[in-house]
Amino acid sequence: MNSYRSDYHRKKLTLLEKLGLFLIVIGYPFLVSIYSMLPPLIGLAGYIIISNIDKNKVYALAGMVYLLNLELNLTLPMLLSIFVVIMTYVFLYSTLKLLIRCQVCFLFTMIVIVDTFYYLALFLYDAMFQTTTVVSDMILFYYIIVDVFVGVLL
């Protein structure tokens, strides 16, 4: 367990890890825009940003670029997801970190909170500007469930 912890917290990324990170950040939002059954993984990206904003700036920046790329590909409001993630970090992260000791429970809670606040912000955006950015149907619940499931598996 100790060797895993030291591998997880190392600062340098290998070339293969950088390439994989680049392909995920750039390629996955293209796939999400083409195939509607692929979830956008907004909550997982938000959790990665929140958990690495103090420790590993590369992962936090990669999460922000991923969210920005996702918003560009899906024609969502610009910087809304990053705004929701930063507000979650500022107002809820430290309190929830003290209250929830279980790492998987904390991951689950943060992903659900980021997803819920983001979709609520999208619905508020739609109401304010009288547009239809996202449709409220069962696919949103599918996105959240898959987002939590992928987050727990990682």
N, C-alpha and C. Protein backbone atom coordinates (compact mmCIF):
# COMPACT_ATOMS: atom_id res chain seq x y z
N MET A 1 0.82 -1.19 0.00
CA MET A 1 0.00 0.00 0.00
C MET A 1 0.86 1.25 0.00
N ASN A 2 1.97 1.20 0.68
CA ASN A 2 2.83 2.37 0.75
C ASN A 2 3.46 2.68 -0.60
N SER A 3 3.84 1.65 -1.38
CA SER A 3 4.41 1.91 -2.70
C SER A 3 3.35 2.48 -3.65
N TYR A 4 2.11 2.04 -3.51
CA TYR A 4 1.04 2.61 -4.33
C TYR A 4 0.85 4.08 -4.01
N ARG A 5 0.88 4.43 -2.74
CA ARG A 5 0.70 5.81 -2.32
C ARG A 5 1.82 6.69 -2.87
N SER A 6 3.06 6.21 -2.84
CA SER A 6 4.16 7.03 -3.35
C SER A 6 4.07 7.15 -4.87
N ASP A 7 3.59 6.10 -5.57
CA ASP A 7 3.41 6.20 -7.02
C ASP A 7 2.30 7.18 -7.36
N TYR A 8 1.26 7.20 -6.56
CA TYR A 8 0.13 8.08 -6.83
C TYR A 8 0.49 9.54 -6.65
N HIS A 9 1.35 9.84 -5.69
CA HIS A 9 1.65 11.23 -5.37
C HIS A 9 2.92 11.75 -6.04
N ARG A 10 3.50 11.01 -6.95
CA ARG A 10 4.70 11.51 -7.60
C ARG A 10 4.34 12.67 -8.52
N LYS A 11 5.30 13.54 -8.73
CA LYS A 11 5.04 14.77 -9.50
C LYS A 11 5.21 14.57 -11.00
N LYS A 12 6.18 13.79 -11.43
CA LYS A 12 6.50 13.64 -12.85
C LYS A 12 5.60 12.59 -13.50
N LEU A 13 5.14 12.89 -14.70
CA LEU A 13 4.37 11.95 -15.48
C LEU A 13 5.27 11.38 -16.57
N THR A 14 5.12 10.09 -16.84
CA THR A 14 5.88 9.49 -17.92
C THR A 14 5.28 9.93 -19.25
N LEU A 15 6.00 9.67 -20.32
CA LEU A 15 5.53 10.05 -21.65
C LEU A 15 4.24 9.33 -22.01
N LEU A 16 4.12 8.08 -21.64
CA LEU A 16 2.91 7.32 -21.92
C LEU A 16 1.71 7.88 -21.14
N GLU A 17 1.93 8.28 -19.87
CA GLU A 17 0.86 8.87 -19.08
C GLU A 17 0.45 10.23 -19.64
N LYS A 18 1.41 11.01 -20.10
CA LYS A 18 1.08 12.30 -20.71
C LYS A 18 0.28 12.11 -22.00
N LEU A 19 0.67 11.13 -22.79
CA LEU A 19 -0.04 10.85 -24.03
C LEU A 19 -1.46 10.37 -23.76
N GLY A 20 -1.63 9.48 -22.78
CA GLY A 20 -2.96 9.01 -22.41
C GLY A 20 -3.84 10.13 -21.88
N LEU A 21 -3.27 10.98 -21.05
CA LEU A 21 -4.01 12.12 -20.52
C LEU A 21 -4.42 13.06 -21.64
N PHE A 22 -3.52 13.32 -22.57
CA PHE A 22 -3.81 14.20 -23.70
C PHE A 22 -4.92 13.62 -24.57
N LEU A 23 -4.85 12.32 -24.84
CA LEU A 23 -5.87 11.69 -25.68
C LEU A 23 -7.25 11.71 -25.01
N ILE A 24 -7.28 11.52 -23.71
CA ILE A 24 -8.57 11.56 -23.00
C ILE A 24 -9.13 12.97 -22.98
N VAL A 25 -8.28 13.95 -22.69
CA VAL A 25 -8.74 15.34 -22.59
C VAL A 25 -9.20 15.87 -23.94
N ILE A 26 -8.52 15.51 -25.00
CA ILE A 26 -8.87 16.01 -26.32
C ILE A 26 -9.85 15.10 -27.04
N GLY A 27 -9.68 13.79 -26.95
CA GLY A 27 -10.46 12.86 -27.75
C GLY A 27 -11.82 12.50 -27.21
N TYR A 28 -11.95 12.33 -25.90
CA TYR A 28 -13.22 11.87 -25.34
C TYR A 28 -14.38 12.86 -25.56
N PRO A 29 -14.16 14.17 -25.43
CA PRO A 29 -15.28 15.08 -25.73
C PRO A 29 -15.76 15.00 -27.17
N PHE A 30 -14.87 14.70 -28.12
CA PHE A 30 -15.31 14.49 -29.50
C PHE A 30 -16.22 13.28 -29.60
N LEU A 31 -15.84 12.20 -28.91
CA LEU A 31 -16.67 11.00 -28.93
C LEU A 31 -18.02 11.23 -28.27
N VAL A 32 -18.03 12.02 -27.19
CA VAL A 32 -19.29 12.33 -26.50
C VAL A 32 -20.21 13.13 -27.41
N SER A 33 -19.64 14.03 -28.20
CA SER A 33 -20.48 14.83 -29.10
C SER A 33 -21.03 13.99 -30.26
N ILE A 34 -20.33 12.92 -30.62
CA ILE A 34 -20.81 12.06 -31.71
C ILE A 34 -21.79 11.01 -31.19
N TYR A 35 -21.43 10.32 -30.12
CA TYR A 35 -22.25 9.24 -29.57
C TYR A 35 -22.94 9.74 -28.30
N SER A 36 -24.25 9.87 -28.37
CA SER A 36 -24.99 10.47 -27.25
C SER A 36 -25.09 9.54 -26.04
N MET A 37 -24.82 8.26 -26.19
CA MET A 37 -24.90 7.35 -25.04
C MET A 37 -23.62 7.36 -24.19
N LEU A 38 -22.57 7.99 -24.67
CA LEU A 38 -21.37 8.14 -23.85
C LEU A 38 -21.61 9.29 -22.87
N PRO A 39 -21.44 9.06 -21.58
CA PRO A 39 -21.69 10.13 -20.62
C PRO A 39 -20.58 11.16 -20.66
N PRO A 40 -20.88 12.43 -20.40
CA PRO A 40 -19.85 13.47 -20.45
C PRO A 40 -18.88 13.44 -19.27
N LEU A 41 -19.18 12.73 -18.20
CA LEU A 41 -18.30 12.59 -17.02
C LEU A 41 -17.91 13.94 -16.42
N ILE A 42 -18.87 14.81 -16.29
CA ILE A 42 -18.63 16.13 -15.73
C ILE A 42 -18.31 16.04 -14.24
N GLY A 43 -19.02 15.20 -13.52
CA GLY A 43 -18.78 15.05 -12.08
C GLY A 43 -17.41 14.48 -11.78
N LEU A 44 -16.97 13.51 -12.56
CA LEU A 44 -15.64 12.93 -12.37
C LEU A 44 -14.55 13.94 -12.67
N ALA A 45 -14.72 14.70 -13.74
CA ALA A 45 -13.74 15.75 -14.05
C ALA A 45 -13.73 16.81 -12.96
N GLY A 46 -14.91 17.14 -12.43
CA GLY A 46 -14.97 18.10 -11.32
C GLY A 46 -14.28 17.58 -10.08
N TYR A 47 -14.47 16.29 -9.79
CA TYR A 47 -13.79 15.70 -8.63
C TYR A 47 -12.28 15.69 -8.83
N ILE A 48 -11.82 15.40 -10.03
CA ILE A 48 -10.38 15.42 -10.31
C ILE A 48 -9.82 16.82 -10.13
N ILE A 49 -10.54 17.82 -10.58
CA ILE A 49 -10.08 19.20 -10.40
C ILE A 49 -10.04 19.54 -8.92
N ILE A 50 -11.11 19.24 -8.20
CA ILE A 50 -11.20 19.61 -6.78
C ILE A 50 -10.14 18.89 -5.95
N SER A 51 -9.94 17.61 -6.20
CA SER A 51 -9.00 16.85 -5.37
C SER A 51 -7.55 17.15 -5.71
N ASN A 52 -7.27 17.67 -6.90
CA ASN A 52 -5.88 17.92 -7.30
C ASN A 52 -5.52 19.39 -7.41
N ILE A 53 -6.40 20.28 -7.03
CA ILE A 53 -6.13 21.70 -7.20
C ILE A 53 -4.96 22.17 -6.33
N ASP A 54 -4.75 21.51 -5.21
CA ASP A 54 -3.64 21.87 -4.33
C ASP A 54 -2.43 20.97 -4.52
N LYS A 55 -2.63 19.72 -4.94
CA LYS A 55 -1.56 18.74 -5.00
C LYS A 55 -0.87 18.68 -6.35
N ASN A 56 -1.62 18.44 -7.39
CA ASN A 56 -1.05 18.20 -8.71
C ASN A 56 -1.74 19.11 -9.72
N LYS A 57 -1.09 20.18 -10.08
CA LYS A 57 -1.67 21.19 -10.96
C LYS A 57 -1.93 20.66 -12.38
N VAL A 58 -1.14 19.67 -12.80
CA VAL A 58 -1.30 19.13 -14.16
C VAL A 58 -2.67 18.47 -14.29
N TYR A 59 -3.06 17.66 -13.32
CA TYR A 59 -4.36 16.99 -13.38
C TYR A 59 -5.51 18.00 -13.25
N ALA A 60 -5.34 19.00 -12.42
CA ALA A 60 -6.38 20.02 -12.28
C ALA A 60 -6.54 20.81 -13.58
N LEU A 61 -5.43 21.18 -14.19
CA LEU A 61 -5.49 21.90 -15.46
C LEU A 61 -6.06 21.01 -16.57
N ALA A 62 -5.69 19.73 -16.58
CA ALA A 62 -6.23 18.80 -17.58
C ALA A 62 -7.74 18.66 -17.41
N GLY A 63 -8.22 18.62 -16.16
CA GLY A 63 -9.66 18.56 -15.93
C GLY A 63 -10.38 19.80 -16.43
N MET A 64 -9.76 20.96 -16.23
CA MET A 64 -10.37 22.21 -16.71
C MET A 64 -10.39 22.27 -18.24
N VAL A 65 -9.31 21.84 -18.87
CA VAL A 65 -9.27 21.81 -20.34
C VAL A 65 -10.30 20.81 -20.86
N TYR A 66 -10.45 19.67 -20.19
CA TYR A 66 -11.45 18.68 -20.57
C TYR A 66 -12.85 19.29 -20.52
N LEU A 67 -13.17 19.98 -19.42
CA LEU A 67 -14.51 20.58 -19.30
C LEU A 67 -14.72 21.67 -20.35
N LEU A 68 -13.71 22.45 -20.61
CA LEU A 68 -13.82 23.50 -21.63
C LEU A 68 -14.01 22.88 -23.01
N ASN A 69 -13.26 21.84 -23.32
CA ASN A 69 -13.40 21.13 -24.59
C ASN A 69 -14.78 20.50 -24.71
N LEU A 70 -15.29 19.96 -23.62
CA LEU A 70 -16.62 19.36 -23.61
C LEU A 70 -17.69 20.41 -23.88
N GLU A 71 -17.55 21.57 -23.28
CA GLU A 71 -18.51 22.64 -23.51
C GLU A 71 -18.47 23.14 -24.95
N LEU A 72 -17.29 23.20 -25.53
CA LEU A 72 -17.19 23.61 -26.93
C LEU A 72 -17.82 22.58 -27.86
N ASN A 73 -17.57 21.30 -27.61
CA ASN A 73 -18.09 20.26 -28.50
C ASN A 73 -19.59 20.06 -28.37
N LEU A 74 -20.15 20.25 -27.18
CA LEU A 74 -21.58 20.02 -26.97
C LEU A 74 -22.39 21.31 -27.02
N THR A 75 -21.77 22.42 -27.37
CA THR A 75 -22.39 23.75 -27.41
C THR A 75 -23.13 24.07 -26.11
N LEU A 76 -22.44 23.87 -25.01
CA LEU A 76 -22.96 24.21 -23.70
C LEU A 76 -22.46 25.61 -23.33
N PRO A 77 -23.06 26.25 -22.32
CA PRO A 77 -22.59 27.58 -21.91
C PRO A 77 -21.12 27.55 -21.48
N MET A 78 -20.36 28.49 -21.99
CA MET A 78 -18.92 28.52 -21.74
C MET A 78 -18.61 28.78 -20.26
N LEU A 79 -17.69 28.01 -19.73
CA LEU A 79 -17.13 28.11 -18.38
C LEU A 79 -18.14 27.87 -17.26
N LEU A 80 -19.34 27.41 -17.58
CA LEU A 80 -20.32 27.14 -16.53
C LEU A 80 -19.90 25.96 -15.67
N SER A 81 -19.37 24.92 -16.27
CA SER A 81 -18.95 23.75 -15.49
C SER A 81 -17.76 24.08 -14.60
N ILE A 82 -16.82 24.85 -15.10
CA ILE A 82 -15.67 25.24 -14.27
C ILE A 82 -16.13 26.13 -13.13
N PHE A 83 -17.08 27.02 -13.40
CA PHE A 83 -17.63 27.87 -12.35
C PHE A 83 -18.30 27.04 -11.26
N VAL A 84 -19.08 26.04 -11.66
CA VAL A 84 -19.76 25.18 -10.68
C VAL A 84 -18.74 24.40 -9.87
N VAL A 85 -17.70 23.89 -10.51
CA VAL A 85 -16.67 23.12 -9.80
C VAL A 85 -15.93 24.01 -8.80
N ILE A 86 -15.56 25.20 -9.21
CA ILE A 86 -14.84 26.11 -8.30
C ILE A 86 -15.73 26.53 -7.14
N MET A 87 -17.01 26.79 -7.39
CA MET A 87 -17.92 27.15 -6.30
C MET A 87 -18.12 25.97 -5.34
N THR A 88 -18.17 24.77 -5.86
CA THR A 88 -18.26 23.59 -5.01
C THR A 88 -17.01 23.45 -4.16
N TYR A 89 -15.87 23.70 -4.75
CA TYR A 89 -14.61 23.63 -4.01
C TYR A 89 -14.56 24.69 -2.90
N VAL A 90 -14.96 25.90 -3.23
CA VAL A 90 -14.89 26.99 -2.25
C VAL A 90 -15.88 26.80 -1.12
N PHE A 91 -17.11 26.42 -1.42
CA PHE A 91 -18.15 26.40 -0.39
C PHE A 91 -18.38 25.05 0.28
N LEU A 92 -18.08 23.94 -0.39
CA LEU A 92 -18.44 22.64 0.19
C LEU A 92 -17.28 21.70 0.47
N TYR A 93 -16.18 21.83 -0.24
CA TYR A 93 -15.12 20.83 -0.17
C TYR A 93 -14.56 20.64 1.22
N SER A 94 -14.17 21.71 1.88
CA SER A 94 -13.54 21.57 3.19
C SER A 94 -14.51 21.03 4.24
N THR A 95 -15.76 21.44 4.18
CA THR A 95 -16.75 20.95 5.14
C THR A 95 -17.02 19.46 4.92
N LEU A 96 -17.19 19.07 3.65
CA LEU A 96 -17.45 17.67 3.37
C LEU A 96 -16.24 16.80 3.66
N LYS A 97 -15.05 17.33 3.45
CA LYS A 97 -13.83 16.57 3.73
C LYS A 97 -13.73 16.26 5.23
N LEU A 98 -14.18 17.17 6.07
CA LEU A 98 -14.18 16.94 7.52
C LEU A 98 -15.29 15.98 7.94
N LEU A 99 -16.43 16.04 7.28
CA LEU A 99 -17.56 15.22 7.67
C LEU A 99 -17.49 13.78 7.17
N ILE A 100 -16.95 13.58 5.98
CA ILE A 100 -16.94 12.26 5.36
C ILE A 100 -15.52 11.71 5.37
N ARG A 101 -15.31 10.63 6.12
CA ARG A 101 -13.98 10.03 6.23
C ARG A 101 -13.73 8.95 5.19
N CYS A 102 -14.77 8.28 4.76
CA CYS A 102 -14.65 7.21 3.76
C CYS A 102 -14.34 7.83 2.40
N GLN A 103 -13.25 7.40 1.77
CA GLN A 103 -12.82 7.99 0.50
C GLN A 103 -13.82 7.72 -0.62
N VAL A 104 -14.37 6.52 -0.69
CA VAL A 104 -15.34 6.19 -1.73
C VAL A 104 -16.64 6.96 -1.51
N CYS A 105 -17.04 7.10 -0.26
CA CYS A 105 -18.25 7.87 0.05
C CYS A 105 -18.06 9.35 -0.31
N PHE A 106 -16.86 9.86 -0.05
CA PHE A 106 -16.56 11.25 -0.38
C PHE A 106 -16.56 11.44 -1.90
N LEU A 107 -15.97 10.50 -2.63
CA LEU A 107 -15.96 10.55 -4.09
C LEU A 107 -17.37 10.52 -4.63
N PHE A 108 -18.19 9.60 -4.12
CA PHE A 108 -19.58 9.50 -4.53
C PHE A 108 -20.33 10.80 -4.28
N THR A 109 -20.16 11.36 -3.10
CA THR A 109 -20.85 12.60 -2.73
C THR A 109 -20.42 13.76 -3.61
N MET A 110 -19.13 13.90 -3.84
CA MET A 110 -18.64 15.02 -4.64
C MET A 110 -19.11 14.91 -6.10
N ILE A 111 -19.10 13.72 -6.66
CA ILE A 111 -19.54 13.56 -8.05
C ILE A 111 -21.02 13.88 -8.17
N VAL A 112 -21.82 13.39 -7.24
CA VAL A 112 -23.26 13.67 -7.29
C VAL A 112 -23.53 15.16 -7.09
N ILE A 113 -22.81 15.81 -6.19
CA ILE A 113 -23.01 17.24 -5.95
C ILE A 113 -22.62 18.06 -7.18
N VAL A 114 -21.47 17.76 -7.77
CA VAL A 114 -21.04 18.52 -8.95
C VAL A 114 -22.02 18.31 -10.10
N ASP A 115 -22.42 17.06 -10.33
CA ASP A 115 -23.40 16.80 -11.40
C ASP A 115 -24.72 17.51 -11.15
N THR A 116 -25.22 17.40 -9.94
CA THR A 116 -26.51 18.02 -9.62
C THR A 116 -26.45 19.53 -9.76
N PHE A 117 -25.43 20.16 -9.21
CA PHE A 117 -25.32 21.62 -9.33
C PHE A 117 -25.12 22.06 -10.77
N TYR A 118 -24.38 21.27 -11.55
CA TYR A 118 -24.16 21.65 -12.95
C TYR A 118 -25.46 21.56 -13.74
N TYR A 119 -26.20 20.47 -13.58
CA TYR A 119 -27.44 20.35 -14.34
C TYR A 119 -28.48 21.35 -13.85
N LEU A 120 -28.49 21.67 -12.56
CA LEU A 120 -29.38 22.74 -12.08
C LEU A 120 -28.99 24.09 -12.67
N ALA A 121 -27.70 24.35 -12.77
CA ALA A 121 -27.23 25.60 -13.38
C ALA A 121 -27.61 25.65 -14.86
N LEU A 122 -27.55 24.50 -15.55
CA LEU A 122 -27.98 24.47 -16.95
C LEU A 122 -29.47 24.75 -17.09
N PHE A 123 -30.28 24.18 -16.19
CA PHE A 123 -31.72 24.45 -16.24
C PHE A 123 -32.01 25.91 -15.92
N LEU A 124 -31.27 26.49 -14.99
CA LEU A 124 -31.43 27.90 -14.68
C LEU A 124 -31.02 28.76 -15.88
N TYR A 125 -29.93 28.39 -16.54
CA TYR A 125 -29.49 29.09 -17.75
C TYR A 125 -30.57 29.02 -18.83
N ASP A 126 -31.16 27.84 -19.01
CA ASP A 126 -32.23 27.69 -20.00
C ASP A 126 -33.44 28.55 -19.66
N ALA A 127 -33.78 28.63 -18.38
CA ALA A 127 -34.93 29.44 -17.98
C ALA A 127 -34.65 30.93 -18.15
N MET A 128 -33.44 31.34 -17.83
CA MET A 128 -33.11 32.77 -17.94
C MET A 128 -33.07 33.24 -19.39
N PHE A 129 -32.49 32.45 -20.27
CA PHE A 129 -32.31 32.87 -21.66
C PHE A 129 -33.30 32.21 -22.62
N GLN A 130 -34.26 31.47 -22.09
CA GLN A 130 -35.31 30.82 -22.87
C GLN A 130 -34.75 30.02 -24.03
N THR A 131 -33.80 29.14 -23.69
CA THR A 131 -33.21 28.25 -24.68
C THR A 131 -33.45 26.81 -24.26
N THR A 132 -32.97 25.89 -25.05
CA THR A 132 -33.06 24.47 -24.72
C THR A 132 -31.67 23.86 -24.87
N THR A 133 -30.85 24.01 -23.85
CA THR A 133 -29.51 23.46 -23.89
C THR A 133 -29.52 21.98 -23.61
N VAL A 134 -30.27 21.59 -22.60
CA VAL A 134 -30.33 20.19 -22.21
C VAL A 134 -31.79 19.83 -21.93
N VAL A 135 -32.15 18.62 -22.31
CA VAL A 135 -33.52 18.14 -22.10
C VAL A 135 -33.53 17.28 -20.85
N SER A 136 -34.50 17.53 -19.99
CA SER A 136 -34.60 16.77 -18.75
C SER A 136 -35.34 15.47 -19.02
N ASP A 137 -34.58 14.40 -19.16
CA ASP A 137 -35.18 13.08 -19.33
C ASP A 137 -34.32 12.05 -18.61
N MET A 138 -34.59 10.81 -18.85
CA MET A 138 -33.89 9.74 -18.14
C MET A 138 -32.42 9.64 -18.51
N ILE A 139 -32.03 10.23 -19.61
CA ILE A 139 -30.62 10.13 -19.99
C ILE A 139 -29.73 10.92 -19.02
N LEU A 140 -30.27 11.96 -18.39
CA LEU A 140 -29.49 12.68 -17.38
C LEU A 140 -29.20 11.79 -16.18
N PHE A 141 -30.17 11.00 -15.76
CA PHE A 141 -29.94 10.07 -14.66
C PHE A 141 -28.94 8.99 -15.07
N TYR A 142 -29.01 8.56 -16.31
CA TYR A 142 -28.04 7.60 -16.83
C TYR A 142 -26.64 8.20 -16.78
N TYR A 143 -26.49 9.46 -17.20
CA TYR A 143 -25.19 10.13 -17.16
C TYR A 143 -24.64 10.19 -15.74
N ILE A 144 -25.49 10.54 -14.78
CA ILE A 144 -25.04 10.65 -13.39
C ILE A 144 -24.68 9.28 -12.83
N ILE A 145 -25.47 8.27 -13.11
CA ILE A 145 -25.18 6.92 -12.60
C ILE A 145 -23.88 6.38 -13.18
N VAL A 146 -23.68 6.55 -14.47
CA VAL A 146 -22.44 6.08 -15.09
C VAL A 146 -21.25 6.90 -14.60
N ASP A 147 -21.44 8.19 -14.39
CA ASP A 147 -20.39 9.06 -13.87
C ASP A 147 -19.94 8.58 -12.48
N VAL A 148 -20.88 8.28 -11.62
CA VAL A 148 -20.56 7.78 -10.28
C VAL A 148 -19.90 6.40 -10.37
N PHE A 149 -20.43 5.54 -11.21
CA PHE A 149 -19.89 4.18 -11.36
C PHE A 149 -18.45 4.20 -11.86
N VAL A 150 -18.16 5.02 -12.86
CA VAL A 150 -16.79 5.13 -13.39
C VAL A 150 -15.87 5.74 -12.33
N GLY A 151 -16.36 6.73 -11.59
CA GLY A 151 -15.56 7.35 -10.54
C GLY A 151 -15.22 6.37 -9.43
N VAL A 152 -16.16 5.54 -9.03
CA VAL A 152 -15.91 4.56 -7.98
C VAL A 152 -14.95 3.48 -8.47
N LEU A 153 -15.05 3.10 -9.74
CA LEU A 153 -14.13 2.09 -10.28
C LEU A 153 -12.69 2.60 -10.38
N LEU A 154 -12.54 3.88 -10.65
CA LEU A 154 -11.18 4.42 -10.75
C LEU A 154 -10.65 4.66 -9.37
